[in-house]
Amino acid sequence: MTGENRVVNAVDGRHRVDRWLWCARFHRSRSLAAAAVSGGKVHVNGERAKPARDIAVGDRLDITLGSDTCTVIIVSLPSRRGPATEARACYEETTDSVLRRAVARERRQLERRSDTAPPGRPDKRGRRAIRQLQGRG
């Protein structure tokens, strides 16, 4: 892709979805962004997309990152991958998405708090019981 094509795409008001995800700092590299899109982790306006799909201002992206899913509306198309403050200005997360992620975060924190570590290493009898539960003994 030449520099002229990139300028034309920026002026035209369209970007590839993998490039936008990389510029907006959802992924560390463009190849990781393309792999996420190819793997079905990104939907554009409710439809599964391919990495080369063009997106425009106003499109809705459903992005799955790990166990979280966030829904964002594209506000601008960046011309470069800049600092995080510039990247954050490229999209607006929906209130439903913010609430859903907050509930999931709370649930994970409660699960972590409820897990208690064993008081120490298991003794010989405890190890045998663990092996039997795992089907190895």
Protein backbone atom coordinates (compact mmCIF):
# COMPACT_ATOMS: atom_id res chain seq x y z
CA MET A 1 0.00 0.00 0.00
CA THR A 2 1.51 3.33 -1.00
CA GLY A 3 1.25 6.55 0.94
CA GLU A 4 -1.11 7.91 -1.70
CA ASN A 5 -3.64 5.14 -1.02
CA ARG A 6 -3.55 5.84 2.70
CA VAL A 7 -4.20 9.53 2.12
CA VAL A 8 -7.05 8.73 -0.25
CA ASN A 9 -8.61 6.36 2.30
CA ALA A 10 -8.34 8.97 5.06
CA VAL A 11 -9.84 11.68 2.84
CA ASP A 12 -12.50 9.27 1.56
CA GLY A 13 -13.61 8.72 5.17
CA ARG A 14 -12.96 4.98 5.21
CA HIS A 15 -10.45 2.70 6.95
CA ARG A 16 -9.80 -1.02 7.05
CA VAL A 17 -11.19 -2.45 10.27
CA ASP A 18 -7.88 -4.09 11.26
CA ARG A 19 -6.00 -0.83 10.76
CA TRP A 20 -8.54 1.12 12.79
CA LEU A 21 -8.34 -1.39 15.67
CA TRP A 22 -4.57 -1.05 15.67
CA CYS A 23 -4.66 2.76 15.50
CA ALA A 24 -7.27 2.93 18.28
CA ARG A 25 -4.99 0.71 20.42
CA PHE A 26 -7.30 -2.26 20.84
CA HIS A 27 -4.44 -4.52 19.65
CA ARG A 28 -0.66 -4.27 19.87
CA SER A 29 -0.02 -4.97 16.22
CA ARG A 30 -1.96 -4.84 13.02
CA SER A 31 -1.44 -8.56 12.44
CA LEU A 32 -3.00 -9.32 15.85
CA ALA A 33 -5.91 -7.07 14.93
CA ALA A 34 -6.32 -8.88 11.60
CA ALA A 35 -6.22 -12.25 13.37
CA ALA A 36 -8.90 -11.11 15.82
CA VAL A 37 -11.14 -9.92 13.00
CA SER A 38 -10.58 -13.15 11.03
CA GLY A 39 -11.32 -15.17 14.16
CA GLY A 40 -14.76 -13.63 14.57
CA LYS A 41 -13.86 -11.44 17.56
CA VAL A 42 -15.01 -8.26 15.80
CA HIS A 43 -18.43 -7.54 14.32
CA VAL A 44 -19.20 -4.41 12.30
CA ASN A 45 -22.81 -3.23 12.55
CA GLY A 46 -23.82 -6.67 13.83
CA GLU A 47 -22.14 -8.61 11.00
CA ARG A 48 -18.98 -10.68 11.13
CA ALA A 49 -16.24 -8.84 9.24
CA LYS A 50 -13.04 -9.58 7.36
CA PRO A 51 -9.84 -7.60 8.08
CA ALA A 52 -10.08 -5.63 4.81
CA ARG A 53 -13.64 -4.47 5.44
CA ASP A 54 -13.98 -0.71 5.16
CA ILE A 55 -15.46 1.13 8.11
CA ALA A 56 -16.65 4.70 8.38
CA VAL A 57 -17.55 7.21 11.08
CA GLY A 58 -20.76 6.17 12.82
CA ASP A 59 -20.24 2.40 12.43
CA ARG A 60 -20.78 0.20 15.50
CA LEU A 61 -18.09 -2.33 16.42
CA ASP A 62 -18.60 -5.23 18.84
CA ILE A 63 -15.10 -6.18 20.00
CA THR A 64 -14.31 -9.23 22.13
CA LEU A 65 -11.12 -8.84 24.15
CA GLY A 66 -10.49 -11.84 26.37
CA SER A 67 -13.68 -12.46 28.32
CA ASP A 68 -14.99 -8.90 27.85
CA THR A 69 -17.06 -7.62 24.96
CA CYS A 70 -17.23 -3.91 24.35
CA THR A 71 -19.41 -2.03 21.90
CA VAL A 72 -18.01 1.17 20.45
CA ILE A 73 -19.21 3.77 17.96
CA ILE A 74 -16.52 5.12 15.64
CA VAL A 75 -16.14 8.87 16.08
CA SER A 76 -13.08 9.54 13.92
CA LEU A 77 -10.60 7.79 11.64
CA PRO A 78 -7.02 8.42 12.80
CA SER A 79 -4.34 9.07 10.22
CA ARG A 80 -1.68 7.43 12.42
CA ARG A 81 -1.27 5.35 15.57
CA GLY A 82 -0.69 8.04 18.15
CA PRO A 83 -0.74 8.24 21.93
CA ALA A 84 -3.50 6.64 23.98
CA THR A 85 -5.29 9.97 24.49
CA GLU A 86 -5.63 10.43 20.73
CA ALA A 87 -6.71 6.80 20.33
CA ARG A 88 -9.42 7.17 22.99
CA ALA A 89 -10.84 10.14 21.07
CA CYS A 90 -11.44 7.90 18.01
CA TYR A 91 -14.36 6.01 19.55
CA GLU A 92 -17.15 6.29 22.07
CA GLU A 93 -18.15 3.27 24.13
CA THR A 94 -21.89 2.75 24.56
CA THR A 95 -23.39 3.03 28.05
CA ASP A 96 -24.73 -0.52 27.81
CA SER A 97 -21.22 -1.78 27.12
CA VAL A 98 -19.75 0.18 30.04
CA LEU A 99 -22.35 -1.25 32.44
CA ARG A 100 -21.89 -4.80 31.13
CA ARG A 101 -18.10 -4.61 31.58
CA ALA A 102 -18.48 -3.13 35.09
CA VAL A 103 -20.78 -5.98 36.13
CA ALA A 104 -18.35 -8.54 34.72
CA ARG A 105 -15.44 -6.86 36.53
CA GLU A 106 -17.36 -6.95 39.84
CA ARG A 107 -18.23 -10.61 39.32
CA ARG A 108 -14.57 -11.50 38.67
CA GLN A 109 -13.48 -9.60 41.79
CA LEU A 110 -16.05 -11.43 43.93
CA GLU A 111 -14.92 -14.78 42.52
CA ARG A 112 -11.30 -13.92 43.34
CA ARG A 113 -12.23 -12.93 46.90
CA SER A 114 -14.21 -16.11 47.47
CA ASP A 115 -11.31 -18.33 46.39
CA THR A 116 -9.25 -19.22 49.41
CA ALA A 117 -5.81 -20.69 49.16
CA PRO A 118 -5.14 -23.94 50.96
CA PRO A 119 -3.34 -23.51 54.30
CA GLY A 120 -0.25 -25.31 53.01
CA ARG A 121 1.04 -28.11 50.86
CA PRO A 122 -0.98 -31.31 50.93
CA ASP A 123 0.45 -34.22 52.86
CA LYS A 124 0.80 -37.75 51.48
CA ARG A 125 -2.86 -38.57 52.08
CA GLY A 126 -3.99 -35.31 50.48
CA ARG A 127 -1.80 -35.89 47.40
CA ARG A 128 -3.30 -39.35 46.96
CA ALA A 129 -6.81 -37.89 47.18
CA ILE A 130 -5.93 -35.25 44.57
CA ARG A 131 -4.51 -37.89 42.22
CA GLN A 132 -7.63 -40.01 42.64
CA LEU A 133 -9.88 -37.02 41.82
CA GLN A 134 -7.84 -36.33 38.71
CA GLY A 135 -8.22 -39.96 37.63
CA ARG A 136 -4.53 -40.75 37.81
CA GLY A 137 -4.43 -42.96 40.79
